[in-house]
C-alpha atoms as a PDB file:
ATOM      1  CA  MET A   1     -18.579 -29.662 -30.464  1.00  0.00           C
ATOM      2  CA  SER A   2     -19.084 -27.237 -27.532  1.00  0.00           C
ATOM      3  CA  ALA A   3     -22.163 -25.444 -26.578  1.00  0.00           C
ATOM      4  CA  VAL A   4     -22.061 -22.157 -24.587  1.00  0.00           C
ATOM      5  CA  PHE A   5     -25.667 -21.775 -22.856  1.00  0.00           C
ATOM      6  CA  GLY A   6     -27.610 -19.545 -20.987  1.00  0.00           C
ATOM      7  CA  VAL A   7     -25.634 -16.283 -21.905  1.00  0.00           C
ATOM      8  CA  ASP A   8     -27.293 -13.236 -21.744  1.00  0.00           C
ATOM      9  CA  ALA A   9     -27.755 -10.751 -24.986  1.00  0.00           C
ATOM     10  CA  CYS A  10     -25.188  -8.436 -23.543  1.00  0.00           C
ATOM     11  CA  VAL A  11     -22.414 -11.081 -22.856  1.00  0.00           C
ATOM     12  CA  VAL A  12     -23.056 -12.672 -26.657  1.00  0.00           C
ATOM     13  CA  GLU A  13     -22.592  -9.372 -28.501  1.00  0.00           C
ATOM     14  CA  THR A  14     -19.522  -8.477 -26.488  1.00  0.00           C
ATOM     15  CA  THR A  15     -18.435 -12.216 -27.059  1.00  0.00           C
ATOM     16  CA  LEU A  16     -19.160 -11.786 -30.461  1.00  0.00           C
ATOM     17  CA  ASN A  17     -17.382  -8.340 -31.194  1.00  0.00           C
ATOM     18  CA  HIS A  18     -14.270  -9.411 -29.737  1.00  0.00           C
ATOM     19  CA  GLY A  19     -13.775 -12.770 -31.510  1.00  0.00           C
ATOM     20  CA  VAL A  20     -13.472 -15.170 -28.499  1.00  0.00           C
ATOM     21  CA  VAL A  21     -15.746 -17.261 -25.845  1.00  0.00           C
ATOM     22  CA  CYS A  22     -14.603 -16.816 -22.322  1.00  0.00           C
ATOM     23  CA  VAL A  23     -15.192 -18.457 -18.948  1.00  0.00           C
ATOM     24  CA  ASP A  24     -15.207 -16.687 -15.445  1.00  0.00           C
ATOM     25  CA  LYS A  25     -12.093 -17.913 -13.675  1.00  0.00           C
ATOM     26  CA  THR A  26     -14.648 -18.591 -10.660  1.00  0.00           C
ATOM     27  CA  TYR A  27     -15.480 -21.838 -12.695  1.00  0.00           C
ATOM     28  CA  GLU A  28     -12.139 -23.449 -12.136  1.00  0.00           C
ATOM     29  CA  LYS A  29     -13.960 -24.786  -9.189  1.00  0.00           C
ATOM     30  CA  GLU A  30     -16.065 -26.425 -11.459  1.00  0.00           C
ATOM     31  CA  ARG A  31     -13.843 -28.911 -12.857  1.00  0.00           C
ATOM     32  CA  GLU A  32     -16.334 -30.633 -15.544  1.00  0.00           C
ATOM     33  CA  VAL A  33     -17.242 -26.968 -17.111  1.00  0.00           C
ATOM     34  CA  PHE A  34     -13.582 -25.897 -16.635  1.00  0.00           C
ATOM     35  CA  ASN A  35     -12.220 -29.390 -18.354  1.00  0.00           C
ATOM     36  CA  THR A  36     -14.724 -28.768 -21.149  1.00  0.00           C
ATOM     37  CA  PHE A  37     -13.160 -25.400 -21.815  1.00  0.00           C
ATOM     38  CA  ARG A  38      -9.632 -26.367 -21.454  1.00  0.00           C
ATOM     39  CA  SER A  39     -10.054 -28.996 -23.940  1.00  0.00           C
ATOM     40  CA  ILE A  40     -11.340 -27.002 -26.760  1.00  0.00           C
ATOM     41  CA  ARG A  41      -8.603 -27.092 -29.530  1.00  0.00           C
ATOM     42  CA  ALA A  42      -7.928 -25.142 -32.873  1.00  0.00           C
ATOM     43  CA  GLU A  43     -10.196 -25.733 -35.366  1.00  0.00           C
ATOM     44  CA  ASP A  44     -12.968 -27.096 -32.830  1.00  0.00           C
ATOM     45  CA  VAL A  45     -16.777 -25.635 -33.517  1.00  0.00           C
ATOM     46  CA  VAL A  46     -18.450 -23.755 -30.674  1.00  0.00           C
ATOM     47  CA  PHE A  47     -21.600 -22.216 -30.727  1.00  0.00           C
ATOM     48  CA  ILE A  48     -23.760 -20.173 -28.391  1.00  0.00           C
ATOM     49  CA  LYS A  49     -27.215 -21.465 -27.711  1.00  0.00           C
ATOM     50  CA  SER A  50     -30.614 -20.539 -25.345  1.00  0.00           C
ATOM     51  CA  PHE A  51     -33.300 -22.482 -24.380  1.00  0.00           C
ATOM     52  CA  THR A  52     -36.761 -21.702 -22.878  1.00  0.00           C
ATOM     53  CA  PRO A  53     -39.916 -23.921 -22.887  1.00  0.00           C
ATOM     54  CA  GLN A  54     -41.758 -20.931 -24.458  1.00  0.00           C
ATOM     55  CA  SER A  55     -39.273 -20.021 -27.281  1.00  0.00           C
ATOM     56  CA  GLY A  56     -37.593 -23.426 -27.825  1.00  0.00           C
ATOM     57  CA  LEU A  57     -33.818 -24.024 -28.545  1.00  0.00           C
ATOM     58  CA  GLN A  58     -32.119 -21.151 -30.406  1.00  0.00           C
ATOM     59  CA  ILE A  59     -28.999 -20.932 -31.811  1.00  0.00           C
ATOM     60  CA  LYS A  60     -27.377 -17.723 -31.551  1.00  0.00           C
ATOM     61  CA  ALA A  61     -24.040 -18.026 -33.188  1.00  0.00           C
ATOM     62  CA  ALA A  62     -21.629 -20.545 -34.278  1.00  0.00           C
ATOM     63  CA  GLY A  63     -17.762 -20.386 -34.720  1.00  0.00           C
ATOM     64  CA  VAL A  64     -14.362 -22.066 -34.986  1.00  0.00           C
ATOM     65  CA  ALA A  65     -12.043 -22.111 -32.117  1.00  0.00           C
ATOM     66  CA  LEU A  66      -8.747 -20.149 -33.571  1.00  0.00           C
ATOM     67  CA  SER A  67      -5.969 -21.467 -30.769  1.00  0.00           C
ATOM     68  CA  ASP A  68      -5.358 -24.413 -28.586  1.00  0.00           C
ATOM     69  CA  TYR A  69      -4.253 -22.304 -25.764  1.00  0.00           C
ATOM     70  CA  PRO A  70      -6.717 -20.020 -23.485  1.00  0.00           C
ATOM     71  CA  ALA A  71      -5.413 -16.427 -22.722  1.00  0.00           C
ATOM     72  CA  GLU A  72      -6.295 -14.971 -19.122  1.00  0.00           C
ATOM     73  CA  HIS A  73      -7.823 -11.610 -18.938  1.00  0.00           C
ATOM     74  CA  ASP A  74      -8.375  -9.942 -15.688  1.00  0.00           C
ATOM     75  CA  ALA A  75     -11.452 -12.117 -14.349  1.00  0.00           C
ATOM     76  CA  GLU A  76     -11.735 -15.078 -17.322  1.00  0.00           C
ATOM     77  CA  VAL A  77     -10.041 -17.174 -19.639  1.00  0.00           C
ATOM     78  CA  CYS A  78     -10.826 -16.776 -22.915  1.00  0.00           C
ATOM     79  CA  ILE A  79     -10.098 -18.730 -26.387  1.00  0.00           C
ATOM     80  CA  PRO A  80     -10.093 -16.433 -29.364  1.00  0.00           C
ATOM     81  CA  VAL A  81     -13.103 -17.869 -32.181  1.00  0.00           C
ATOM     82  CA  LYS A  82     -13.657 -16.774 -35.822  1.00  0.00           C
ATOM     83  CA  TRP A  83     -17.523 -16.380 -35.541  1.00  0.00           C
ATOM     84  CA  VAL A  84     -18.852 -17.712 -38.743  1.00  0.00           C
ATOM     85  CA  TRP A  85     -22.372 -17.585 -38.073  1.00  0.00           C
ATOM     86  CA  ARG A  86     -24.759 -15.047 -36.103  1.00  0.00           C
ATOM     87  CA  GLY A  87     -28.479 -14.722 -35.772  1.00  0.00           C
ATOM     88  CA  LYS A  88     -31.232 -16.732 -34.661  1.00  0.00           C
ATOM     89  CA  LYS A  89     -31.713 -20.225 -35.714  1.00  0.00           C
ATOM     90  CA  LEU A  90     -34.806 -21.907 -34.036  1.00  0.00           C
ATOM     91  CA  ILE A  91     -34.417 -25.954 -33.907  1.00  0.00           C
ATOM     92  CA  ASP A  92     -37.911 -27.330 -34.034  1.00  0.00           C
ATOM     93  CA  GLU A  93     -36.758 -31.301 -34.061  1.00  0.00           C
ATOM     94  CA  PHE A  94     -34.714 -32.231 -31.386  1.00  0.00           C
ATOM     95  CA  ASP A  95     -34.919 -34.490 -27.837  1.00  0.00           C
ATOM     96  CA  GLU A  96     -35.115 -31.637 -25.256  1.00  0.00           C
ATOM     97  CA  THR A  97     -34.028 -34.121 -22.304  1.00  0.00           C
ATOM     98  CA  CYS A  98     -30.554 -33.890 -24.063  1.00  0.00           C
ATOM     99  CA  SER A  99     -30.724 -30.085 -25.089  1.00  0.00           C
ATOM    100  CA  GLN A 100     -31.874 -28.780 -21.827  1.00  0.00           C
ATOM    101  CA  ARG A 101     -28.609 -28.676 -19.976  1.00  0.00           C
ATOM    102  CA  GLY A 102     -28.056 -26.425 -16.996  1.00  0.00           C
ATOM    103  CA  ASP A 103     -24.222 -26.210 -17.612  1.00  0.00           C
ATOM    104  CA  LEU A 104     -22.805 -23.177 -18.821  1.00  0.00           C
ATOM    105  CA  LEU A 105     -20.295 -24.879 -21.096  1.00  0.00           C
ATOM    106  CA  TYR A 106     -20.492 -28.444 -22.360  1.00  0.00           C
ATOM    107  CA  GLU A 107     -20.049 -30.890 -25.360  1.00  0.00           C
ATOM    108  CA  GLU A 108     -22.984 -31.419 -27.440  1.00  0.00           C
ATOM    109  CA  HIS A 109     -23.693 -34.735 -28.438  1.00  0.00           C
ATOM    110  CA  ASN A 110     -27.470 -34.002 -29.640  1.00  0.00           C
ATOM    111  CA  ILE A 111     -26.805 -35.179 -33.435  1.00  0.00           C
ATOM    112  CA  THR A 112     -29.478 -33.163 -34.550  1.00  0.00           C
ATOM    113  CA  VAL A 113     -28.196 -29.594 -32.841  1.00  0.00           C
ATOM    114  CA  GLN A 114     -24.691 -30.758 -34.333  1.00  0.00           C
ATOM    115  CA  LYS A 115     -26.189 -31.001 -37.833  1.00  0.00           C
ATOM    116  CA  GLU A 116     -28.140 -27.863 -37.577  1.00  0.00           C
ATOM    117  CA  ILE A 117     -24.389 -26.156 -36.575  1.00  0.00           C
ATOM    118  CA  ILE A 118     -22.485 -27.718 -39.503  1.00  0.00           C
ATOM    119  CA  ASP A 119     -24.995 -26.748 -41.518  1.00  0.00           C
ATOM    120  CA  LEU A 120     -25.206 -23.029 -40.609  1.00  0.00           C
ATOM    121  CA  ILE A 121     -21.019 -23.134 -40.505  1.00  0.00           C
ATOM    122  CA  SER A 122     -20.666 -24.806 -43.725  1.00  0.00           C
ATOM    123  CA  SER A 123     -22.921 -22.676 -45.826  1.00  0.00           C
ATOM    124  CA  LYS A 124     -20.833 -19.295 -44.613  1.00  0.00           C
ATOM    125  CA  LEU A 125     -17.766 -21.281 -45.150  1.00  0.00           C
ATOM    126  CA  HIS A 126     -18.865 -21.958 -48.915  1.00  0.00           C
ATOM    127  CA  LEU A 127     -18.043 -26.100 -47.964  1.00  0.00           C
ATOM    128  CA  PRO A 128     -19.034 -28.420 -50.009  1.00  0.00           C
ATOM    129  CA  ASN A 129     -22.596 -30.708 -49.004  1.00  0.00           C
ATOM    130  CA  GLU A 130     -20.125 -33.704 -48.119  1.00  0.00           C
ATOM    131  CA  TRP A 131     -18.519 -31.856 -45.158  1.00  0.00           C
END
């Protein structure tokens, strides 16, 4: 499960409307961020979130990657995503130290956040509760 973090509202709408998640090619220099992006595979869960001390942790969108292969577009490298859920979901109970990451993109390890994302996606895809 990969989190896209710190994306402004304009970029979120563009990302959702085009059905992609993208990383600027300049991040190729930041090996960890780019390696995480390149490791996203078809059917991986991807989500967009934001965090401020005032508003807390908010999930803005959650989706499923549609391809193993990123495509290059101008200054970006993009992976197609089926954005299954869009909105604003506040997560109240979570360990702040795990969720306040400064990286643009990273693998989400916080189990509370993972569960919330899976619940959002499974409700939209009408998956059984056991999933």
